[in-house]
Amino acid sequence: MLRFIHPRVRSRPMWPWALFALAPLPLFAQGTAAVTNPVVSNPSNIERGHQFFANNCGICHGFNAQGGDKGPNLNNGQFRHGSGDADLFNTITRGIPGTVMPASALPAEQVWAMITFLRSKVVAARAQIGGNAQAGEKTFWSSDKCAHCHMVNGRGGLLGPDLSRIGAMRTVEYLTGKIRNPNRELTTGLHEPNGDYVVPIANATVTVVTNSGQRITGVPRNEDTFSVQMLGTDNEIHLFLKKEVKDVLHEQKSLMPAYSQQMLSDSELKDLLAYLATLH
């Protein structure tokens, strides 16, 4: 908290560390253009910032800023409320009204250290992606690939999650893992993608076996004692009365195929990841 001293009262000299406490003042008084992070980027400061971030922000954003069940991935440089140092400082210290993002009361120096950490993650993530986003977009929208099940900005299928903001929500590592091995994350308890406080995925796939032996597979939508509603692989809603079917089978597995290198080469995967990183 700032203390205001009457002009006629003599005060002791201000120590350099105390200047951090005044950081919020110029951010609001002078705008954001001239403000830069006073915490230099070096391994020591990055590690300090990482610890501050993990302790204070990790529960929502993931301990490595990779995205969580409440907060987006912060590794890709896509900051929706401003990407300048001052913008980030203001977002952290003031919060985002109307969202679950609260205002932080951390000392200014710790906030700047967290921003230094986030900057280091962005640099590493951008170097890792590579690939051609335009080529990846073509791969995504090809008839036998992602768009059959996934929607982007109102286009595509309904069977899989909406990917309109996937670039802001998930890291390259997570997306690579899901594409190559979509069942890897389907465990119970504390698990990936965030490694912390994630709701377990249960009954990810449902198969209805009719009395004639026909099998209809999809993802469950609603189920009670008497009926089951599912979204089938045809992207259509199906409703069954349990007394009229032979069996209802639940499995903890994804309907998404595992894209091997024969189905999606490493080069094509890099292009696809580059495209997904643009979705935010």
Protein backbone atom coordinates (compact mmCIF):
# COMPACT_ATOMS: atom_id res chain seq x y z
CA MET A 1 0.00 0.00 0.00
CA LEU A 2 1.34 3.45 -0.94
CA ARG A 3 1.86 5.99 1.84
CA PHE A 4 1.49 9.66 0.93
CA ILE A 5 3.74 12.06 2.87
CA HIS A 6 2.93 15.74 3.35
CA PRO A 7 5.35 17.89 1.29
CA ARG A 8 6.64 19.69 4.40
CA VAL A 9 7.53 16.44 6.12
CA ARG A 10 11.06 15.25 5.41
CA SER A 11 11.35 11.59 4.58
CA ARG A 12 14.20 9.16 4.42
CA PRO A 13 15.72 8.34 1.01
CA MET A 14 13.80 5.73 -0.95
CA TRP A 15 15.60 2.44 -1.36
CA PRO A 16 15.75 1.09 -4.95
CA TRP A 17 13.46 -1.86 -4.17
CA ALA A 18 10.76 0.54 -3.06
CA LEU A 19 10.48 1.91 -6.59
CA PHE A 20 8.66 -1.27 -7.53
CA ALA A 21 5.83 -0.25 -5.23
CA LEU A 22 5.23 2.82 -7.37
CA ALA A 23 4.95 0.80 -10.58
CA PRO A 24 1.13 0.86 -10.73
CA LEU A 25 1.05 4.67 -10.66
CA PRO A 26 2.75 5.39 -14.00
CA LEU A 27 0.83 2.55 -15.63
CA PHE A 28 -2.43 4.36 -15.05
CA ALA A 29 -1.17 7.94 -15.22
CA GLN A 30 1.04 7.79 -18.32
CA GLY A 31 -0.51 5.02 -20.39
CA THR A 32 1.14 1.77 -21.35
CA ALA A 33 3.47 2.71 -24.20
CA ALA A 34 6.48 3.82 -22.16
CA VAL A 35 6.33 1.17 -19.44
CA THR A 36 8.83 -1.69 -19.53
CA ASN A 37 9.46 -4.57 -17.21
CA PRO A 38 12.15 -3.65 -14.64
CA VAL A 39 12.92 -7.33 -13.92
CA VAL A 40 15.52 -8.38 -16.48
CA SER A 41 15.21 -11.73 -18.19
CA ASN A 42 17.83 -14.12 -16.85
CA PRO A 43 17.62 -17.71 -15.58
CA SER A 44 17.40 -16.63 -11.94
CA ASN A 45 14.56 -14.17 -12.46
CA ILE A 46 12.72 -16.56 -14.77
CA GLU A 47 12.83 -19.26 -12.10
CA ARG A 48 11.67 -16.82 -9.43
CA GLY A 49 8.82 -15.73 -11.65
CA HIS A 50 7.93 -19.35 -12.29
CA GLN A 51 7.64 -20.01 -8.56
CA PHE A 52 5.47 -16.94 -8.00
CA PHE A 53 3.27 -17.94 -10.93
CA ALA A 54 2.91 -21.57 -9.83
CA ASN A 55 2.01 -20.57 -6.28
CA ASN A 56 -0.51 -17.89 -7.22
CA CYS A 57 -1.80 -18.59 -10.73
CA GLY A 58 -1.14 -22.29 -11.34
CA ILE A 59 -4.45 -23.56 -9.97
CA CYS A 60 -6.29 -21.91 -12.89
CA HIS A 61 -3.64 -21.57 -15.62
CA GLY A 62 -1.59 -24.70 -14.94
CA PHE A 63 1.66 -24.65 -12.99
CA ASN A 64 3.66 -24.15 -16.19
CA ALA A 65 1.15 -21.67 -17.68
CA GLN A 66 0.00 -24.37 -20.10
CA GLY A 67 -3.70 -23.77 -19.51
CA GLY A 68 -6.12 -25.20 -16.99
CA ASP A 69 -9.79 -25.94 -16.53
CA LYS A 70 -10.46 -22.26 -15.71
CA GLY A 71 -7.63 -20.24 -17.23
CA PRO A 72 -6.20 -20.26 -20.78
CA ASN A 73 -2.78 -21.32 -21.96
CA LEU A 74 -0.36 -18.40 -21.58
CA ASN A 75 2.58 -19.94 -23.44
CA ASN A 76 1.70 -18.75 -26.92
CA GLY A 77 1.77 -14.97 -26.57
CA GLN A 78 -1.96 -14.62 -27.24
CA PHE A 79 -3.08 -12.32 -24.44
CA ARG A 80 -6.65 -11.18 -25.11
CA HIS A 81 -6.50 -8.13 -22.85
CA GLY A 82 -3.24 -6.66 -24.16
CA SER A 83 0.19 -8.11 -24.78
CA GLY A 84 2.47 -5.27 -23.66
CA ASP A 85 4.31 -5.46 -20.35
CA ALA A 86 2.06 -2.80 -18.85
CA ASP A 87 -1.05 -4.55 -20.20
CA LEU A 88 -0.03 -7.77 -18.50
CA PHE A 89 0.79 -5.95 -15.28
CA ASN A 90 -2.62 -4.28 -15.27
CA THR A 91 -4.43 -7.53 -16.05
CA ILE A 92 -2.73 -9.29 -13.15
CA THR A 93 -3.07 -6.50 -10.60
CA ARG A 94 -6.56 -5.34 -11.56
CA GLY A 95 -8.12 -8.62 -12.67
CA ILE A 96 -10.70 -8.95 -15.45
CA PRO A 97 -14.17 -7.77 -14.42
CA GLY A 98 -16.97 -10.20 -15.20
CA THR A 99 -14.66 -13.23 -15.20
CA VAL A 100 -13.12 -15.53 -12.61
CA MET A 101 -9.79 -13.69 -12.99
CA PRO A 102 -9.31 -11.81 -9.68
CA ALA A 103 -7.13 -8.82 -8.93
CA SER A 104 -3.79 -9.78 -7.41
CA ALA A 105 -2.41 -8.09 -4.29
CA LEU A 106 1.12 -9.42 -4.87
CA PRO A 107 4.04 -6.99 -4.57
CA ALA A 108 4.79 -5.31 -7.88
CA GLU A 109 8.25 -6.88 -8.11
CA GLN A 110 6.73 -10.36 -7.96
CA VAL A 111 4.21 -9.47 -10.67
CA TRP A 112 7.01 -8.23 -12.92
CA ALA A 113 8.96 -11.44 -12.26
CA MET A 114 5.92 -13.47 -13.33
CA ILE A 115 5.72 -11.45 -16.55
CA THR A 116 9.40 -12.20 -17.18
CA PHE A 117 8.61 -15.90 -16.74
CA LEU A 118 5.65 -15.70 -19.16
CA ARG A 119 7.78 -13.96 -21.78
CA SER A 120 10.33 -16.78 -21.59
CA LYS A 121 7.59 -19.36 -22.18
CA VAL A 122 6.31 -17.50 -25.23
CA VAL A 123 9.77 -17.36 -26.82
CA ALA A 124 10.29 -21.09 -26.26
CA ALA A 125 6.82 -21.99 -27.58
CA ARG A 126 7.20 -19.97 -30.77
CA ALA A 127 10.57 -21.54 -31.49
CA GLN A 128 9.08 -24.99 -31.00
CA ILE A 129 6.08 -24.77 -33.33
CA GLY A 130 7.59 -24.02 -36.74
CA GLY A 131 5.43 -25.32 -39.56
CA ASN A 132 3.25 -23.63 -42.16
CA ALA A 133 -0.10 -22.47 -40.79
CA GLN A 134 -1.71 -22.20 -44.25
CA ALA A 135 -0.76 -25.77 -45.10
CA GLY A 136 -2.01 -26.86 -41.69
CA GLU A 137 -5.36 -25.17 -42.32
CA LYS A 138 -5.77 -27.20 -45.52
CA THR A 139 -4.99 -30.37 -43.60
CA PHE A 140 -7.53 -29.49 -40.92
CA TRP A 141 -10.35 -28.92 -43.40
CA SER A 142 -9.61 -31.93 -45.60
CA SER A 143 -12.54 -34.34 -45.68
CA ASP A 144 -10.89 -37.17 -43.77
CA LYS A 145 -9.22 -35.13 -41.04
CA CYS A 146 -10.17 -32.88 -38.12
CA ALA A 147 -13.16 -30.93 -39.42
CA HIS A 148 -15.39 -34.02 -39.60
CA CYS A 149 -15.53 -34.03 -35.79
CA HIS A 150 -14.29 -30.61 -34.66
CA MET A 151 -15.79 -27.17 -35.16
CA VAL A 152 -13.93 -23.89 -35.67
CA ASN A 153 -15.88 -20.64 -35.63
CA GLY A 154 -19.18 -22.28 -36.50
CA ARG A 155 -17.87 -24.65 -39.19
CA GLY A 156 -17.18 -28.37 -38.85
CA GLY A 157 -18.50 -31.32 -36.90
CA LEU A 158 -19.98 -31.66 -33.44
CA LEU A 159 -18.57 -34.98 -32.26
CA GLY A 160 -15.34 -33.59 -30.81
CA PRO A 161 -14.58 -30.46 -28.78
CA ASP A 162 -14.93 -27.02 -30.36
CA LEU A 163 -11.43 -25.85 -31.33
CA SER A 164 -12.22 -22.19 -32.03
CA ARG A 165 -9.88 -21.02 -29.23
CA ILE A 166 -7.65 -24.09 -28.89
CA GLY A 167 -4.50 -22.06 -29.56
CA ALA A 168 -5.19 -20.01 -26.46
CA MET A 169 -6.18 -22.98 -24.33
CA ARG A 170 -3.61 -25.72 -24.99
CA THR A 171 0.12 -26.04 -25.48
CA VAL A 172 1.94 -27.56 -28.44
CA GLU A 173 2.98 -30.49 -26.24
CA TYR A 174 -0.60 -31.23 -25.24
CA LEU A 175 -1.95 -31.00 -28.80
CA THR A 176 0.85 -33.20 -30.13
CA GLY A 177 0.08 -35.83 -27.51
CA LYS A 178 -3.65 -35.78 -28.23
CA ILE A 179 -3.17 -36.12 -31.97
CA ARG A 180 -0.67 -38.97 -31.74
CA ASN A 181 -2.33 -40.73 -28.79
CA PRO A 182 -5.81 -39.36 -27.99
CA ASN A 183 -6.40 -41.84 -25.15
CA ARG A 184 -3.35 -40.79 -23.16
CA GLU A 185 -5.23 -38.27 -21.02
CA LEU A 186 -8.29 -40.38 -20.26
CA THR A 187 -7.43 -41.25 -16.67
CA THR A 188 -9.04 -40.51 -13.34
CA GLY A 189 -7.98 -38.08 -10.64
CA LEU A 190 -5.29 -35.46 -11.15
CA HIS A 191 -4.05 -35.90 -14.69
CA GLU A 192 -2.93 -34.22 -17.87
CA PRO A 193 -3.50 -31.92 -19.73
CA ASN A 194 -2.78 -29.65 -16.79
CA GLY A 195 -1.41 -32.01 -14.20
CA ASP A 196 -3.49 -30.24 -11.57
CA TYR A 197 -7.12 -29.98 -10.53
CA VAL A 198 -8.73 -31.38 -13.65
CA VAL A 199 -12.14 -33.05 -13.70
CA PRO A 200 -11.71 -36.72 -14.65
CA ILE A 201 -13.08 -37.83 -18.01
CA ALA A 202 -15.51 -40.71 -17.58
CA ASN A 203 -17.63 -42.69 -20.04
CA ALA A 204 -16.06 -40.91 -22.99
CA THR A 205 -17.62 -43.31 -25.52
CA VAL A 206 -20.98 -45.07 -25.54
CA THR A 207 -22.12 -47.92 -27.78
CA VAL A 208 -25.73 -49.03 -28.05
CA VAL A 209 -26.34 -52.61 -29.17
CA THR A 210 -29.82 -53.00 -30.63
CA ASN A 211 -31.91 -56.17 -30.38
CA SER A 212 -30.97 -56.96 -33.98
CA GLY A 213 -27.26 -56.75 -33.11
CA GLN A 214 -26.58 -53.38 -34.74
CA ARG A 215 -23.99 -51.26 -32.90
CA ILE A 216 -24.29 -47.45 -32.82
CA THR A 217 -21.31 -45.65 -31.29
CA GLY A 218 -20.88 -42.05 -30.23
CA VAL A 219 -20.41 -39.76 -27.25
CA PRO A 220 -23.00 -39.64 -24.43
CA ARG A 221 -25.15 -36.56 -24.05
CA ASN A 222 -27.79 -37.53 -21.49
CA GLU A 223 -28.64 -40.75 -19.72
CA ASP A 224 -31.04 -41.86 -17.00
CA THR A 225 -32.54 -45.12 -15.77
CA PHE A 226 -34.82 -45.47 -18.78
CA SER A 227 -33.06 -43.88 -21.75
CA VAL A 228 -29.75 -42.84 -23.28
CA GLN A 229 -29.08 -39.93 -25.63
CA MET A 230 -25.92 -39.86 -27.70
CA LEU A 231 -24.25 -37.96 -30.52
CA GLY A 232 -23.31 -40.58 -33.08
CA THR A 233 -20.34 -40.69 -35.40
CA ASP A 234 -22.72 -39.43 -38.09
CA ASN A 235 -22.98 -36.15 -36.12
CA GLU A 236 -26.66 -36.89 -35.44
CA ILE A 237 -28.46 -37.14 -32.08
CA HIS A 238 -29.82 -40.61 -31.26
CA LEU A 239 -32.27 -41.40 -28.45
CA PHE A 240 -32.82 -44.96 -27.25
CA LEU A 241 -35.13 -46.45 -24.64
CA LYS A 242 -33.09 -48.98 -22.69
CA LYS A 243 -35.91 -51.51 -22.60
CA GLU A 244 -35.82 -51.59 -26.40
CA VAL A 245 -32.08 -52.29 -26.81
CA LYS A 246 -29.89 -55.25 -25.99
CA ASP A 247 -27.07 -53.41 -24.23
CA VAL A 248 -25.51 -50.01 -23.51
CA LEU A 249 -21.71 -50.11 -23.26
CA HIS A 250 -19.56 -47.34 -21.78
CA GLU A 251 -15.82 -47.11 -22.41
CA GLN A 252 -13.15 -44.70 -21.25
CA LYS A 253 -11.65 -44.17 -24.66
CA SER A 254 -11.70 -41.49 -27.29
CA LEU A 255 -13.41 -41.87 -30.65
CA MET A 256 -10.56 -39.88 -32.16
CA PRO A 257 -8.12 -42.09 -34.09
CA ALA A 258 -4.45 -42.09 -33.17
CA TYR A 259 -2.74 -40.31 -36.06
CA SER A 260 0.44 -42.25 -36.72
CA GLN A 261 3.21 -40.93 -38.96
CA GLN A 262 1.71 -42.97 -41.78
CA MET A 263 -1.59 -41.08 -41.39
CA LEU A 264 -0.04 -37.70 -40.56
CA SER A 265 3.66 -37.12 -41.17
CA ASP A 266 5.81 -35.12 -38.76
CA SER A 267 5.91 -32.28 -41.30
CA GLU A 268 2.12 -32.29 -41.67
CA LEU A 269 1.77 -32.37 -37.89
CA LYS A 270 3.96 -29.27 -37.52
CA ASP A 271 1.84 -27.48 -40.12
CA LEU A 272 -1.35 -28.50 -38.32
CA LEU A 273 0.02 -27.32 -34.97
CA ALA A 274 1.00 -23.99 -36.53
CA TYR A 275 -2.61 -23.55 -37.71
CA LEU A 276 -4.11 -24.57 -34.37
CA ALA A 277 -1.84 -22.05 -32.64
CA THR A 278 -3.56 -19.26 -34.60
CA LEU A 279 -6.98 -20.13 -33.15
CA HIS A 280 -7.65 -17.87 -30.19
